[in-house]
């Protein structure tokens, strides 16, 4: 395999990134530029930085084999009883991760798919219906499924929080030794976008915890009347509470497909306007979310417009900014492009 060592500055198109996907490419994003200026980011090799940035791995083709490959590239062996946190998707929606896509990776880890009930009154607000949804969407066919707040909530402290000082998760949360945060990156009607940080915060939160985060720490029952920026910051802080407990027993993989402006919690999501982009993985959730957002802004300007507007209209980057401020990760990252696993014939 030949290596490509490229120094790229100024506008760095997604097409250019994918051109290098045939090589093992190392690229470094050394800016913290807000998304509207993403096209002007300076992307450099790691040799030109004073500190070693976290690695974010990228692979273009979204296949079960590549999902396993990119997880293995992280070099972190999740040990013991492994929870795989995904969104099982609201009935009526169809953009959630395909069980056939994630099956090999989940089974390699001998993982249990974990979810929690929703705070809104949809078809996953009660445990029985959440289990039925997981079955209907094909997840119980590939692995056990655990609704972690079936028996209520417990708290995780986060003393550094500016909006919340504790996070509410399901009582089954500590039943697992390790977690894989396996996220479908997409837009979100309230958060602007959903990626690793949201999946680890709102996703792992119990129904009470979801209301707690959405309300900015003012209610365990009403998710709808909090301040927007408090909600975004509370997401970062809830993610921090989970990270503090897990330590190194966590890894993050995000799939950028079905790139709707709407979340998998929507029963009628808008159709995607962007083509699928690829799979990304990191041991740093801040770097991973930033890389995913950067790839949106480096995509076709017209076709990414709706998703970019969704992110900006909700001030979505505040979650990443606040997470970095709290020391949960870095927005500066080294992007490593992996060679695709040849498709089986």
Protein backbone atom coordinates (compact mmCIF):
# COMPACT_ATOMS: atom_id res chain seq x y z
CA UNK A 1 0.00 0.00 0.00
CA UNK A 2 1.56 3.31 -0.95
CA UNK A 3 1.26 6.28 1.37
CA UNK A 4 0.24 9.75 0.28
CA UNK A 5 1.58 12.61 2.38
CA UNK A 6 -0.19 15.72 1.21
CA UNK A 7 -0.17 19.30 2.45
CA UNK A 8 -3.54 20.84 1.65
CA UNK A 9 -4.54 24.39 2.51
CA UNK A 10 -7.47 26.63 1.67
CA UNK A 11 -10.51 25.04 0.09
CA UNK A 12 -10.49 21.28 0.52
CA UNK A 13 -13.38 19.68 -1.33
CA UNK A 14 -15.07 16.44 -0.38
CA UNK A 15 -14.38 15.21 -3.88
CA UNK A 16 -10.70 15.83 -3.21
CA UNK A 17 -10.87 13.86 0.01
CA UNK A 18 -12.51 10.91 -1.67
CA UNK A 19 -9.90 11.02 -4.47
CA UNK A 20 -7.28 10.14 -1.85
CA UNK A 21 -9.39 7.30 -0.47
CA UNK A 22 -7.32 4.86 -2.53
CA UNK A 23 -4.33 5.74 -0.36
CA UNK A 24 -3.59 5.66 3.35
CA UNK A 25 -3.81 9.42 3.82
CA UNK A 26 -3.07 11.46 6.92
CA UNK A 27 -4.55 14.96 6.99
CA UNK A 28 -4.68 17.36 9.92
CA UNK A 29 -7.37 19.95 10.62
CA UNK A 30 -5.66 22.61 12.68
CA UNK A 31 -8.47 25.15 13.00
CA UNK A 32 -11.51 25.62 15.19
CA UNK A 33 -13.33 27.59 12.51
CA UNK A 34 -17.11 27.85 12.78
CA UNK A 35 -18.92 25.90 10.04
CA UNK A 36 -19.79 28.82 7.71
CA UNK A 37 -16.03 29.31 7.24
CA UNK A 38 -15.22 25.62 7.00
CA UNK A 39 -14.25 25.91 3.36
CA UNK A 40 -11.39 28.13 4.45
CA UNK A 41 -9.96 25.69 6.98
CA UNK A 42 -6.23 25.05 6.82
CA UNK A 43 -5.63 21.33 6.60
CA UNK A 44 -2.06 20.27 7.28
CA UNK A 45 0.01 17.20 7.93
CA UNK A 46 0.68 16.26 11.54
CA UNK A 47 4.34 17.23 11.17
CA UNK A 48 3.27 20.88 11.10
CA UNK A 49 1.55 20.87 14.48
CA UNK A 50 3.07 21.30 17.93
CA UNK A 51 0.76 18.78 19.60
CA UNK A 52 -0.44 15.42 18.42
CA UNK A 53 -4.15 15.81 17.57
CA UNK A 54 -6.65 13.00 18.03
CA UNK A 55 -7.04 10.66 15.08
CA UNK A 56 -10.30 10.47 13.15
CA UNK A 57 -10.49 7.57 10.70
CA UNK A 58 -12.54 7.80 7.51
CA UNK A 59 -13.61 5.18 5.00
CA UNK A 60 -15.78 5.99 2.01
CA UNK A 61 -17.87 2.90 1.23
CA UNK A 62 -20.49 2.09 3.83
CA UNK A 63 -20.41 -1.70 4.13
CA UNK A 64 -20.48 -4.20 7.02
CA UNK A 65 -16.84 -5.09 6.28
CA UNK A 66 -15.73 -1.46 6.39
CA UNK A 67 -17.60 -0.86 9.63
CA UNK A 68 -15.56 -3.64 11.23
CA UNK A 69 -12.36 -2.37 9.60
CA UNK A 70 -12.72 1.17 10.90
CA UNK A 71 -13.53 -0.01 14.41
CA UNK A 72 -10.46 -2.26 14.38
CA UNK A 73 -8.34 0.68 13.22
CA UNK A 74 -9.03 2.43 16.53
CA UNK A 75 -6.90 -0.13 18.32
CA UNK A 76 -9.12 -0.18 21.38
CA UNK A 77 -10.36 -3.58 22.49
CA UNK A 78 -13.66 -3.06 24.30
CA UNK A 79 -13.60 -5.68 27.01
CA UNK A 80 -16.12 -7.47 29.18
CA UNK A 81 -19.82 -7.02 28.61
CA UNK A 82 -20.15 -4.55 25.74
CA UNK A 83 -23.10 -2.21 25.18
CA UNK A 84 -23.65 -0.91 21.65
CA UNK A 85 -25.58 2.36 21.81
CA UNK A 86 -27.62 3.06 18.70
CA UNK A 87 -30.93 4.68 17.90
CA UNK A 88 -33.51 2.02 17.08
CA UNK A 89 -35.56 4.68 15.27
CA UNK A 90 -39.11 5.92 15.63
CA UNK A 91 -41.74 3.82 13.82
CA UNK A 92 -42.54 5.44 10.49
CA UNK A 93 -38.96 6.60 10.02
CA UNK A 94 -36.55 4.62 7.89
CA UNK A 95 -33.15 6.33 8.12
CA UNK A 96 -31.87 4.55 11.24
CA UNK A 97 -28.83 2.27 10.90
CA UNK A 98 -29.62 -0.92 9.02
CA UNK A 99 -29.26 -4.02 11.23
CA UNK A 100 -27.59 -5.79 8.30
CA UNK A 101 -24.96 -3.05 8.22
CA UNK A 102 -24.06 -3.23 11.91
CA UNK A 103 -24.58 -6.96 12.51
CA UNK A 104 -20.98 -8.09 11.94
CA UNK A 105 -19.51 -5.45 14.25
CA UNK A 106 -22.09 -5.95 16.99
CA UNK A 107 -21.56 -9.71 16.92
CA UNK A 108 -17.76 -9.38 16.82
CA UNK A 109 -18.08 -7.52 20.13
CA UNK A 110 -20.65 -10.00 21.44
CA UNK A 111 -22.53 -6.79 22.10
CA UNK A 112 -25.92 -5.93 23.52
CA UNK A 113 -27.82 -3.14 21.76
CA UNK A 114 -28.90 -0.57 24.35
CA UNK A 115 -31.53 2.14 24.21
CA UNK A 116 -33.69 4.20 26.56
CA UNK A 117 -37.29 5.33 26.37
CA UNK A 118 -38.12 8.71 24.87
CA UNK A 119 -39.29 11.82 26.72
CA UNK A 120 -41.78 12.70 23.98
CA UNK A 121 -45.02 10.76 23.66
CA UNK A 122 -44.19 8.75 20.57
CA UNK A 123 -44.16 5.00 20.11
CA UNK A 124 -41.01 4.49 22.19
CA UNK A 125 -42.00 6.33 25.37
CA UNK A 126 -42.76 3.08 27.22
CA UNK A 127 -40.54 0.03 27.53
CA UNK A 128 -42.95 -2.46 25.97
CA UNK A 129 -43.32 -0.35 22.84
CA UNK A 130 -39.59 0.38 22.71
CA UNK A 131 -38.92 -3.36 22.66
CA UNK A 132 -41.54 -3.88 19.96
CA UNK A 133 -39.93 -1.17 17.85
CA UNK A 134 -36.48 -2.73 18.21
CA UNK A 135 -37.94 -6.04 17.07
CA UNK A 136 -39.91 -4.54 14.19
CA UNK A 137 -36.82 -2.71 12.94
CA UNK A 138 -34.76 -5.89 12.93
CA UNK A 139 -32.40 -5.29 15.85
CA UNK A 140 -33.49 -8.18 18.07
CA UNK A 141 -32.60 -10.52 15.19
CA UNK A 142 -28.91 -9.61 15.43
CA UNK A 143 -28.32 -9.11 19.18
CA UNK A 144 -29.99 -8.84 22.57
CA UNK A 145 -31.66 -5.47 23.16
CA UNK A 146 -31.78 -3.77 26.56
CA UNK A 147 -33.99 -0.76 27.31
CA UNK A 148 -31.78 0.61 30.04
CA UNK A 149 -34.37 2.68 31.92
CA UNK A 150 -36.90 -0.15 32.08
CA UNK A 151 -36.38 -0.14 35.87
CA UNK A 152 -35.96 3.60 36.32
CA UNK A 153 -33.15 6.14 36.46
CA UNK A 154 -29.89 6.71 38.30
CA UNK A 155 -27.65 9.76 38.36
CA UNK A 156 -24.09 10.33 37.16
CA UNK A 157 -22.34 13.39 38.63
CA UNK A 158 -20.72 16.09 36.54
CA UNK A 159 -19.37 18.74 38.94
CA UNK A 160 -17.88 20.84 36.11
CA UNK A 161 -21.29 21.43 34.57
CA UNK A 162 -22.43 25.00 34.03
CA UNK A 163 -26.03 24.02 33.22
CA UNK A 164 -26.42 20.60 34.88
CA UNK A 165 -24.37 19.02 37.64
CA UNK A 166 -25.71 15.50 37.11
CA UNK A 167 -27.00 13.29 34.33
CA UNK A 168 -29.88 10.81 34.56
CA UNK A 169 -29.34 7.45 32.86
CA UNK A 170 -31.09 4.10 33.04
CA UNK A 171 -30.40 1.86 36.03
CA UNK A 172 -29.05 -0.79 33.64
CA UNK A 173 -26.22 1.55 32.56
CA UNK A 174 -23.59 0.12 34.97
CA UNK A 175 -24.39 -3.45 33.93
CA UNK A 176 -21.86 -3.08 31.10
CA UNK A 177 -18.06 -2.87 31.18
CA UNK A 178 -17.61 -1.07 27.85
CA UNK A 179 -19.62 1.02 25.40
CA UNK A 180 -19.50 1.46 21.64
CA UNK A 181 -21.23 4.71 20.70
CA UNK A 182 -22.44 3.73 17.23
CA UNK A 183 -24.14 6.79 15.78
CA UNK A 184 -26.05 7.70 12.67
CA UNK A 185 -24.89 11.23 11.88
CA UNK A 186 -27.76 13.37 10.52
CA UNK A 187 -29.63 16.59 11.16
CA UNK A 188 -31.87 17.21 14.16
CA UNK A 189 -34.87 19.51 14.56
CA UNK A 190 -33.72 20.80 17.95
CA UNK A 191 -29.97 20.13 18.23
CA UNK A 192 -29.11 21.05 14.63
CA UNK A 193 -27.35 17.73 14.14
CA UNK A 194 -26.96 14.45 15.95
CA UNK A 195 -23.69 12.59 16.23
CA UNK A 196 -21.55 10.96 18.90
CA UNK A 197 -22.04 13.58 21.61
CA UNK A 198 -25.81 13.54 21.23
CA UNK A 199 -25.97 9.74 21.11
CA UNK A 200 -23.93 9.56 24.32
CA UNK A 201 -25.97 12.22 26.12
CA UNK A 202 -29.61 12.32 25.04
CA UNK A 203 -29.32 8.78 23.68
CA UNK A 204 -28.02 7.17 26.87
CA UNK A 205 -30.18 9.38 29.10
CA UNK A 206 -33.30 7.84 30.60
CA UNK A 207 -36.67 9.33 29.69
CA UNK A 208 -36.29 11.56 32.77
CA UNK A 209 -32.74 12.38 31.72
CA UNK A 210 -33.84 13.38 28.25
CA UNK A 211 -36.31 15.86 29.75
CA UNK A 212 -33.58 17.05 32.13
CA UNK A 213 -31.17 17.77 29.29
CA UNK A 214 -33.74 19.30 26.94
CA UNK A 215 -35.02 21.60 29.69
CA UNK A 216 -31.52 22.71 30.66
CA UNK A 217 -31.79 21.06 34.04
CA UNK A 218 -35.14 22.54 35.05
CA UNK A 219 -37.51 19.56 34.69
CA UNK A 220 -37.50 15.76 34.74
CA UNK A 221 -40.88 15.59 33.01
CA UNK A 222 -41.16 18.52 30.58
CA UNK A 223 -38.58 18.59 27.77
CA UNK A 224 -40.13 21.42 25.80
CA UNK A 225 -39.62 24.73 27.61
CA UNK A 226 -35.89 25.04 28.19
CA UNK A 227 -33.58 27.65 26.64
CA UNK A 228 -31.95 26.50 23.42
CA UNK A 229 -28.35 27.20 24.39
CA UNK A 230 -28.86 25.61 27.81
CA UNK A 231 -30.09 22.47 26.05
CA UNK A 232 -27.05 22.36 23.78
CA UNK A 233 -24.62 22.88 26.65
CA UNK A 234 -26.45 20.35 28.82
CA UNK A 235 -25.93 17.76 26.08
CA UNK A 236 -22.18 18.27 26.24
CA UNK A 237 -22.24 18.07 30.03
CA UNK A 238 -24.33 14.89 30.06
CA UNK A 239 -21.86 13.36 27.61
CA UNK A 240 -19.08 14.38 29.99
CA UNK A 241 -20.76 12.58 32.88
CA UNK A 242 -20.85 9.37 30.83
CA UNK A 243 -17.25 9.80 29.67
CA UNK A 244 -16.00 10.38 33.21
CA UNK A 245 -17.45 7.08 34.34
CA UNK A 246 -16.37 5.03 31.33
CA UNK A 247 -12.80 6.29 31.04
CA UNK A 248 -11.04 4.32 28.28
CA UNK A 249 -13.84 1.76 28.04
CA UNK A 250 -15.59 3.53 25.18
CA UNK A 251 -15.12 4.04 21.44
CA UNK A 252 -17.01 6.05 18.84
CA UNK A 253 -18.12 5.21 15.29
CA UNK A 254 -20.40 7.42 13.18
CA UNK A 255 -22.08 6.51 9.89
CA UNK A 256 -22.81 9.39 7.52
CA UNK A 257 -25.65 8.04 5.39
CA UNK A 258 -29.30 8.98 4.82
CA UNK A 259 -28.29 12.56 5.60
CA UNK A 260 -31.70 14.01 6.32
CA UNK A 261 -32.15 17.28 8.19
CA UNK A 262 -34.26 15.25 10.62
CA UNK A 263 -33.35 12.80 13.35
CA UNK A 264 -34.18 9.10 13.57
CA UNK A 265 -36.62 10.11 16.32
CA UNK A 266 -38.88 11.56 13.59
CA UNK A 267 -41.65 9.35 12.25
CA UNK A 268 -41.71 11.38 9.01
CA UNK A 269 -38.15 12.52 8.30
CA UNK A 270 -37.38 14.72 5.33
CA UNK A 271 -35.71 12.90 2.45
CA UNK A 272 -31.91 13.26 2.27
CA UNK A 273 -30.59 15.79 -0.22
CA UNK A 274 -26.94 14.75 0.10
CA UNK A 275 -25.32 11.56 -1.07
CA UNK A 276 -23.93 9.23 1.59
CA UNK A 277 -20.44 10.31 2.68
CA UNK A 278 -18.84 7.42 4.59
CA UNK A 279 -17.95 6.02 8.01
CA UNK A 280 -15.84 7.84 10.59
CA UNK A 281 -14.41 6.64 13.91
CA UNK A 282 -12.35 8.09 16.74
CA UNK A 283 -11.51 7.77 20.41
CA UNK A 284 -12.39 11.49 20.73
CA UNK A 285 -16.12 12.29 20.33
CA UNK A 286 -15.49 16.03 19.92
CA UNK A 287 -13.05 15.46 17.07
CA UNK A 288 -15.42 12.92 15.51
CA UNK A 289 -18.43 15.24 15.54
CA UNK A 290 -16.32 18.12 14.23
CA UNK A 291 -14.98 15.98 11.38
CA UNK A 292 -18.52 14.94 10.43
CA UNK A 293 -19.70 18.56 10.41
CA UNK A 294 -16.65 19.59 8.39
CA UNK A 295 -17.50 16.99 5.76
CA UNK A 296 -21.01 18.41 5.47
CA UNK A 297 -19.56 21.87 4.86
CA UNK A 298 -17.08 20.50 2.35
CA UNK A 299 -19.85 18.78 0.38
CA UNK A 300 -21.73 20.14 -2.61
CA UNK A 301 -22.86 23.63 -1.58
CA UNK A 302 -26.34 23.41 -3.04
CA UNK A 303 -27.17 19.90 -1.87
CA UNK A 304 -25.83 20.50 1.64
CA UNK A 305 -27.65 23.81 2.05
CA UNK A 306 -30.66 22.51 4.01
CA UNK A 307 -28.51 20.57 6.47
CA UNK A 308 -26.11 23.47 6.92
CA UNK A 309 -29.04 25.80 7.57
CA UNK A 310 -30.47 23.35 10.09
CA UNK A 311 -27.16 23.26 12.00
CA UNK A 312 -26.74 27.02 11.96
CA UNK A 313 -30.36 27.89 12.78
CA UNK A 314 -30.16 25.81 15.98
CA UNK A 315 -26.66 27.02 16.94
CA UNK A 316 -25.67 23.37 16.75
CA UNK A 317 -21.92 23.97 16.98
CA UNK A 318 -22.33 25.18 20.55
CA UNK A 319 -22.47 21.57 21.75
CA UNK A 320 -19.05 20.85 20.22
CA UNK A 321 -17.61 24.17 21.41
CA UNK A 322 -18.84 23.60 24.96
CA UNK A 323 -17.59 20.02 25.02
CA UNK A 324 -14.14 21.19 24.00
CA UNK A 325 -14.24 23.94 26.63
CA UNK A 326 -15.03 21.30 29.26
CA UNK A 327 -12.00 19.27 28.19
CA UNK A 328 -13.97 16.40 26.64
CA UNK A 329 -11.98 16.45 23.41
CA UNK A 330 -10.45 18.55 20.67
CA UNK A 331 -11.77 20.11 17.47
CA UNK A 332 -8.30 19.81 15.99
CA UNK A 333 -7.87 16.37 14.50
CA UNK A 334 -5.83 14.24 12.15
CA UNK A 335 -8.01 12.69 9.46
CA UNK A 336 -6.77 9.27 8.33
CA UNK A 337 -8.38 7.88 5.19
CA UNK A 338 -8.48 4.08 5.10
CA UNK A 339 -8.53 1.86 2.04
CA UNK A 340 -11.92 0.26 1.44
CA UNK A 341 -12.30 -3.46 2.00
CA UNK A 342 -13.00 -4.99 -1.45
CA UNK A 343 -16.64 -5.95 -1.76
CA UNK A 344 -17.41 -9.66 -1.85
CA UNK A 345 -18.61 -11.01 -5.17
